[in-house]
Amino acid sequence: MRKRRTVREFLDKEVDFEAIKRILEAGNQAPTWNHNRSWSYIVLRTGRGTETLCR
């Protein structure tokens, strides 16, 4: 938590799908209250998906 930071500027380049999978797997390993692991993810790889999702 000491090295936590907020990023407000992003590069305009695609993130490798294997990196996305590793990030999601790491999130699934994090402890949760009552061992409740009913997570669902939406991975958007293009900007077009964000507009559709927001509607």
PDB file of N, CA and C in Angstrom:
ATOM      1  N   MET A   1       0.821  -1.194   0.000  1.00  0.00           N
ATOM      2  CA  MET A   1       0.000   0.000   0.000  1.00  0.00           C
ATOM      3  C   MET A   1       0.864   1.258   0.000  1.00  0.00           C
ATOM      4  N   ARG A   2       2.077   1.146   0.466  1.00  0.00           N
ATOM      5  CA  ARG A   2       2.930   2.332   0.507  1.00  0.00           C
ATOM      6  C   ARG A   2       3.302   2.815  -0.885  1.00  0.00           C
ATOM      7  N   LYS A   3       3.340   1.914  -1.830  1.00  0.00           N
ATOM      8  CA  LYS A   3       3.734   2.291  -3.185  1.00  0.00           C
ATOM      9  C   LYS A   3       2.529   2.486  -4.095  1.00  0.00           C
ATOM     10  N   ARG A   4       1.359   2.563  -3.513  1.00  0.00           N
ATOM     11  CA  ARG A   4       0.147   2.757  -4.300  1.00  0.00           C
ATOM     12  C   ARG A   4       0.143   4.139  -4.925  1.00  0.00           C
ATOM     13  N   ARG A   5      -0.350   4.241  -6.148  1.00  0.00           N
ATOM     14  CA  ARG A   5      -0.405   5.539  -6.821  1.00  0.00           C
ATOM     15  C   ARG A   5      -1.584   5.574  -7.773  1.00  0.00           C
ATOM     16  N   THR A   6      -1.979   6.767  -8.126  1.00  0.00           N
ATOM     17  CA  THR A   6      -3.074   6.969  -9.064  1.00  0.00           C
ATOM     18  C   THR A   6      -2.495   7.408 -10.399  1.00  0.00           C
ATOM     19  N   VAL A   7      -2.917   6.741 -11.466  1.00  0.00           N
ATOM     20  CA  VAL A   7      -2.443   7.079 -12.809  1.00  0.00           C
ATOM     21  C   VAL A   7      -3.579   7.760 -13.551  1.00  0.00           C
ATOM     22  N   ARG A   8      -3.300   8.936 -14.092  1.00  0.00           N
ATOM     23  CA  ARG A   8      -4.333   9.676 -14.810  1.00  0.00           C
ATOM     24  C   ARG A   8      -3.999   9.862 -16.287  1.00  0.00           C
ATOM     25  N   GLU A   9      -2.823   9.423 -16.675  1.00  0.00           N
ATOM     26  CA  GLU A   9      -2.427   9.500 -18.078  1.00  0.00           C
ATOM     27  C   GLU A   9      -2.045   8.098 -18.533  1.00  0.00           C
ATOM     28  N   PHE A  10      -2.497   7.733 -19.715  1.00  0.00           N
ATOM     29  CA  PHE A  10      -2.263   6.391 -20.223  1.00  0.00           C
ATOM     30  C   PHE A  10      -1.614   6.455 -21.592  1.00  0.00           C
ATOM     31  N   LEU A  11      -0.818   5.456 -21.889  1.00  0.00           N
ATOM     32  CA  LEU A  11      -0.216   5.345 -23.210  1.00  0.00           C
ATOM     33  C   LEU A  11      -1.247   4.803 -24.186  1.00  0.00           C
ATOM     34  N   ASP A  12      -1.135   5.196 -25.426  1.00  0.00           N
ATOM     35  CA  ASP A  12      -2.064   4.725 -26.450  1.00  0.00           C
ATOM     36  C   ASP A  12      -1.481   3.482 -27.116  1.00  0.00           C
ATOM     37  N   LYS A  13      -1.301   2.426 -26.307  1.00  0.00           N
ATOM     38  CA  LYS A  13      -0.817   1.177 -26.879  1.00  0.00           C
ATOM     39  C   LYS A  13      -1.549   0.021 -26.220  1.00  0.00           C
ATOM     40  N   GLU A  14      -1.688  -1.045 -26.966  1.00  0.00           N
ATOM     41  CA  GLU A  14      -2.451  -2.199 -26.509  1.00  0.00           C
ATOM     42  C   GLU A  14      -1.672  -2.969 -25.448  1.00  0.00           C
ATOM     43  N   VAL A  15      -2.384  -3.452 -24.441  1.00  0.00           N
ATOM     44  CA  VAL A  15      -1.783  -4.269 -23.390  1.00  0.00           C
ATOM     45  C   VAL A  15      -1.840  -5.724 -23.845  1.00  0.00           C
ATOM     46  N   ASP A  16      -0.734  -6.423 -23.691  1.00  0.00           N
ATOM     47  CA  ASP A  16      -0.651  -7.824 -24.072  1.00  0.00           C
ATOM     48  C   ASP A  16      -1.697  -8.637 -23.308  1.00  0.00           C
ATOM     49  N   PHE A  17      -2.409  -9.510 -24.011  1.00  0.00           N
ATOM     50  CA  PHE A  17      -3.481 -10.273 -23.379  1.00  0.00           C
ATOM     51  C   PHE A  17      -2.947 -11.187 -22.279  1.00  0.00           C
ATOM     52  N   GLU A  18      -1.738 -11.705 -22.428  1.00  0.00           N
ATOM     53  CA  GLU A  18      -1.145 -12.538 -21.375  1.00  0.00           C
ATOM     54  C   GLU A  18      -0.930 -11.725 -20.098  1.00  0.00           C
ATOM     55  N   ALA A  19      -0.575 -10.456 -20.236  1.00  0.00           N
ATOM     56  CA  ALA A  19      -0.414  -9.582 -19.066  1.00  0.00           C
ATOM     57  C   ALA A  19      -1.759  -9.366 -18.383  1.00  0.00           C
ATOM     58  N   ILE A  20      -2.807  -9.190 -19.167  1.00  0.00           N
ATOM     59  CA  ILE A  20      -4.151  -9.026 -18.601  1.00  0.00           C
ATOM     60  C   ILE A  20      -4.541 -10.277 -17.830  1.00  0.00           C
ATOM     61  N   LYS A  21      -4.274 -11.444 -18.390  1.00  0.00           N
ATOM     62  CA  LYS A  21      -4.600 -12.696 -17.704  1.00  0.00           C
ATOM     63  C   LYS A  21      -3.853 -12.821 -16.383  1.00  0.00           C
ATOM     64  N   ARG A  22      -2.566 -12.439 -16.371  1.00  0.00           N
ATOM     65  CA  ARG A  22      -1.780 -12.509 -15.130  1.00  0.00           C
ATOM     66  C   ARG A  22      -2.331 -11.554 -14.073  1.00  0.00           C
ATOM     67  N   ILE A  23      -2.759 -10.374 -14.494  1.00  0.00           N
ATOM     68  CA  ILE A  23      -3.326  -9.394 -13.557  1.00  0.00           C
ATOM     69  C   ILE A  23      -4.617  -9.930 -12.948  1.00  0.00           C
ATOM     70  N   LEU A  24      -5.484 -10.509 -13.787  1.00  0.00           N
ATOM     71  CA  LEU A  24      -6.746 -11.054 -13.288  1.00  0.00           C
ATOM     72  C   LEU A  24      -6.503 -12.247 -12.366  1.00  0.00           C
ATOM     73  N   GLU A  25      -5.544 -13.092 -12.705  1.00  0.00           N
ATOM     74  CA  GLU A  25      -5.223 -14.233 -11.842  1.00  0.00           C
ATOM     75  C   GLU A  25      -4.693 -13.760 -10.488  1.00  0.00           C
ATOM     76  N   ALA A  26      -3.881 -12.707 -10.486  1.00  0.00           N
ATOM     77  CA  ALA A  26      -3.371 -12.161  -9.222  1.00  0.00           C
ATOM     78  C   ALA A  26      -4.520 -11.608  -8.386  1.00  0.00           C
ATOM     79  N   GLY A  27      -5.472 -10.956  -9.021  1.00  0.00           N
ATOM     80  CA  GLY A  27      -6.638 -10.441  -8.309  1.00  0.00           C
ATOM     81  C   GLY A  27      -7.468 -11.551  -7.699  1.00  0.00           C
ATOM     82  N   ASN A  28      -7.546 -12.680  -8.381  1.00  0.00           N
ATOM     83  CA  ASN A  28      -8.294 -13.820  -7.848  1.00  0.00           C
ATOM     84  C   ASN A  28      -7.609 -14.439  -6.639  1.00  0.00           C
ATOM     85  N   GLN A  29      -6.316 -14.232  -6.485  1.00  0.00           N
ATOM     86  CA  GLN A  29      -5.576 -14.775  -5.349  1.00  0.00           C
ATOM     87  C   GLN A  29      -5.666 -13.889  -4.111  1.00  0.00           C
ATOM     88  N   ALA A  30      -6.153 -12.672  -4.269  1.00  0.00           N
ATOM     89  CA  ALA A  30      -6.243 -11.739  -3.143  1.00  0.00           C
ATOM     90  C   ALA A  30      -7.288 -12.226  -2.140  1.00  0.00           C
ATOM     91  N   PRO A  31      -7.047 -11.993  -0.856  1.00  0.00           N
ATOM     92  CA  PRO A  31      -8.014 -12.426   0.154  1.00  0.00           C
ATOM     93  C   PRO A  31      -9.317 -11.640   0.062  1.00  0.00           C
ATOM     94  N   THR A  32     -10.400 -12.312   0.380  1.00  0.00           N
ATOM     95  CA  THR A  32     -11.714 -11.668   0.386  1.00  0.00           C
ATOM     96  C   THR A  32     -12.418 -11.992   1.693  1.00  0.00           C
ATOM     97  N   TRP A  33     -13.374 -11.179   2.038  1.00  0.00           N
ATOM     98  CA  TRP A  33     -14.152 -11.417   3.246  1.00  0.00           C
ATOM     99  C   TRP A  33     -14.993 -12.671   3.051  1.00  0.00           C
ATOM    100  N   ASN A  34     -14.996 -13.546   4.005  1.00  0.00           N
ATOM    101  CA  ASN A  34     -15.824 -14.742   4.013  1.00  0.00           C
ATOM    102  C   ASN A  34     -15.512 -15.672   2.834  1.00  0.00           C
ATOM    103  N   HIS A  35     -14.351 -15.525   2.245  1.00  0.00           N
ATOM    104  CA  HIS A  35     -13.923 -16.349   1.102  1.00  0.00           C
ATOM    105  C   HIS A  35     -14.922 -16.303  -0.050  1.00  0.00           C
ATOM    106  N   ASN A  36     -15.594 -15.185  -0.171  1.00  0.00           N
ATOM    107  CA  ASN A  36     -16.569 -14.996  -1.250  1.00  0.00           C
ATOM    108  C   ASN A  36     -15.808 -14.624  -2.519  1.00  0.00           C
ATOM    109  N   ARG A  37     -15.819 -15.462  -3.511  1.00  0.00           N
ATOM    110  CA  ARG A  37     -15.049 -15.237  -4.733  1.00  0.00           C
ATOM    111  C   ARG A  37     -15.948 -15.180  -5.964  1.00  0.00           C
ATOM    112  N   SER A  38     -17.051 -14.527  -5.857  1.00  0.00           N
ATOM    113  CA  SER A  38     -17.967 -14.440  -6.997  1.00  0.00           C
ATOM    114  C   SER A  38     -17.652 -13.203  -7.836  1.00  0.00           C
ATOM    115  N   TRP A  39     -16.454 -13.167  -8.406  1.00  0.00           N
ATOM    116  CA  TRP A  39     -16.017 -12.047  -9.234  1.00  0.00           C
ATOM    117  C   TRP A  39     -16.400 -12.294 -10.680  1.00  0.00           C
ATOM    118  N   SER A  40     -16.660 -11.221 -11.372  1.00  0.00           N
ATOM    119  CA  SER A  40     -16.794 -11.289 -12.828  1.00  0.00           C
ATOM    120  C   SER A  40     -16.049 -10.095 -13.402  1.00  0.00           C
ATOM    121  N   TYR A  41     -15.453 -10.281 -14.549  1.00  0.00           N
ATOM    122  CA  TYR A  41     -14.634  -9.248 -15.173  1.00  0.00           C
ATOM    123  C   TYR A  41     -15.145  -8.955 -16.573  1.00  0.00           C
ATOM    124  N   ILE A  42     -15.007  -7.714 -16.969  1.00  0.00           N
ATOM    125  CA  ILE A  42     -15.255  -7.305 -18.343  1.00  0.00           C
ATOM    126  C   ILE A  42     -13.951  -6.686 -18.828  1.00  0.00           C
ATOM    127  N   VAL A  43     -13.337  -7.303 -19.816  1.00  0.00           N
ATOM    128  CA  VAL A  43     -12.068  -6.817 -20.353  1.00  0.00           C
ATOM    129  C   VAL A  43     -12.356  -6.149 -21.689  1.00  0.00           C
ATOM    130  N   LEU A  44     -12.097  -4.851 -21.745  1.00  0.00           N
ATOM    131  CA  LEU A  44     -12.300  -4.087 -22.977  1.00  0.00           C
ATOM    132  C   LEU A  44     -10.943  -3.829 -23.601  1.00  0.00           C
ATOM    133  N   ARG A  45     -10.787  -4.239 -24.830  1.00  0.00           N
ATOM    134  CA  ARG A  45      -9.490  -4.072 -25.490  1.00  0.00           C
ATOM    135  C   ARG A  45      -9.504  -2.941 -26.500  1.00  0.00           C
ATOM    136  N   THR A  46     -10.666  -2.341 -26.751  1.00  0.00           N
ATOM    137  CA  THR A  46     -10.750  -1.192 -27.655  1.00  0.00           C
ATOM    138  C   THR A  46     -11.600  -0.118 -27.008  1.00  0.00           C
ATOM    139  N   GLY A  47     -11.477   1.106 -27.474  1.00  0.00           N
ATOM    140  CA  GLY A  47     -12.262   2.210 -26.937  1.00  0.00           C
ATOM    141  C   GLY A  47     -13.736   2.117 -27.285  1.00  0.00           C
ATOM    142  N   ARG A  48     -14.055   1.406 -28.370  1.00  0.00           N
ATOM    143  CA  ARG A  48     -15.460   1.296 -28.769  1.00  0.00           C
ATOM    144  C   ARG A  48     -16.295   0.578 -27.721  1.00  0.00           C
ATOM    145  N   GLY A  49     -15.718  -0.386 -27.048  1.00  0.00           N
ATOM    146  CA  GLY A  49     -16.450  -1.147 -26.048  1.00  0.00           C
ATOM    147  C   GLY A  49     -16.857  -0.317 -24.849  1.00  0.00           C
ATOM    148  N   THR A  50     -16.078   0.685 -24.507  1.00  0.00           N
ATOM    149  CA  THR A  50     -16.404   1.510 -23.341  1.00  0.00           C
ATOM    150  C   THR A  50     -17.688   2.285 -23.555  1.00  0.00           C
ATOM    151  N   GLU A  51     -17.880   2.819 -24.733  1.00  0.00           N
ATOM    152  CA  GLU A  51     -19.114   3.563 -25.014  1.00  0.00           C
ATOM    153  C   GLU A  51     -20.323   2.644 -24.906  1.00  0.00           C
ATOM    154  N   THR A  52     -20.225   1.453 -25.451  1.00  0.00           N
ATOM    155  CA  THR A  52     -21.326   0.498 -25.385  1.00  0.00           C
ATOM    156  C   THR A  52     -21.599   0.098 -23.945  1.00  0.00           C
ATOM    157  N   LEU A  53     -20.567  -0.152 -23.179  1.00  0.00           N
ATOM    158  CA  LEU A  53     -20.726  -0.563 -21.788  1.00  0.00           C
ATOM    159  C   LEU A  53     -21.374   0.532 -20.951  1.00  0.00           C
ATOM    160  N   CYS A  54     -21.046   1.779 -21.213  1.00  0.00           N
ATOM    161  CA  CYS A  54     -21.595   2.899 -20.446  1.00  0.00           C
ATOM    162  C   CYS A  54     -23.088   3.093 -20.695  1.00  0.00           C
ATOM    163  N   ARG A  55     -23.553   2.669 -21.834  1.00  0.00           N
ATOM    164  CA  ARG A  55     -24.991   2.819 -22.123  1.00  0.00           C
ATOM    165  C   ARG A  55     -25.728   1.817 -21.337  1.00  0.00           C
TER     166      ARG A  55
END
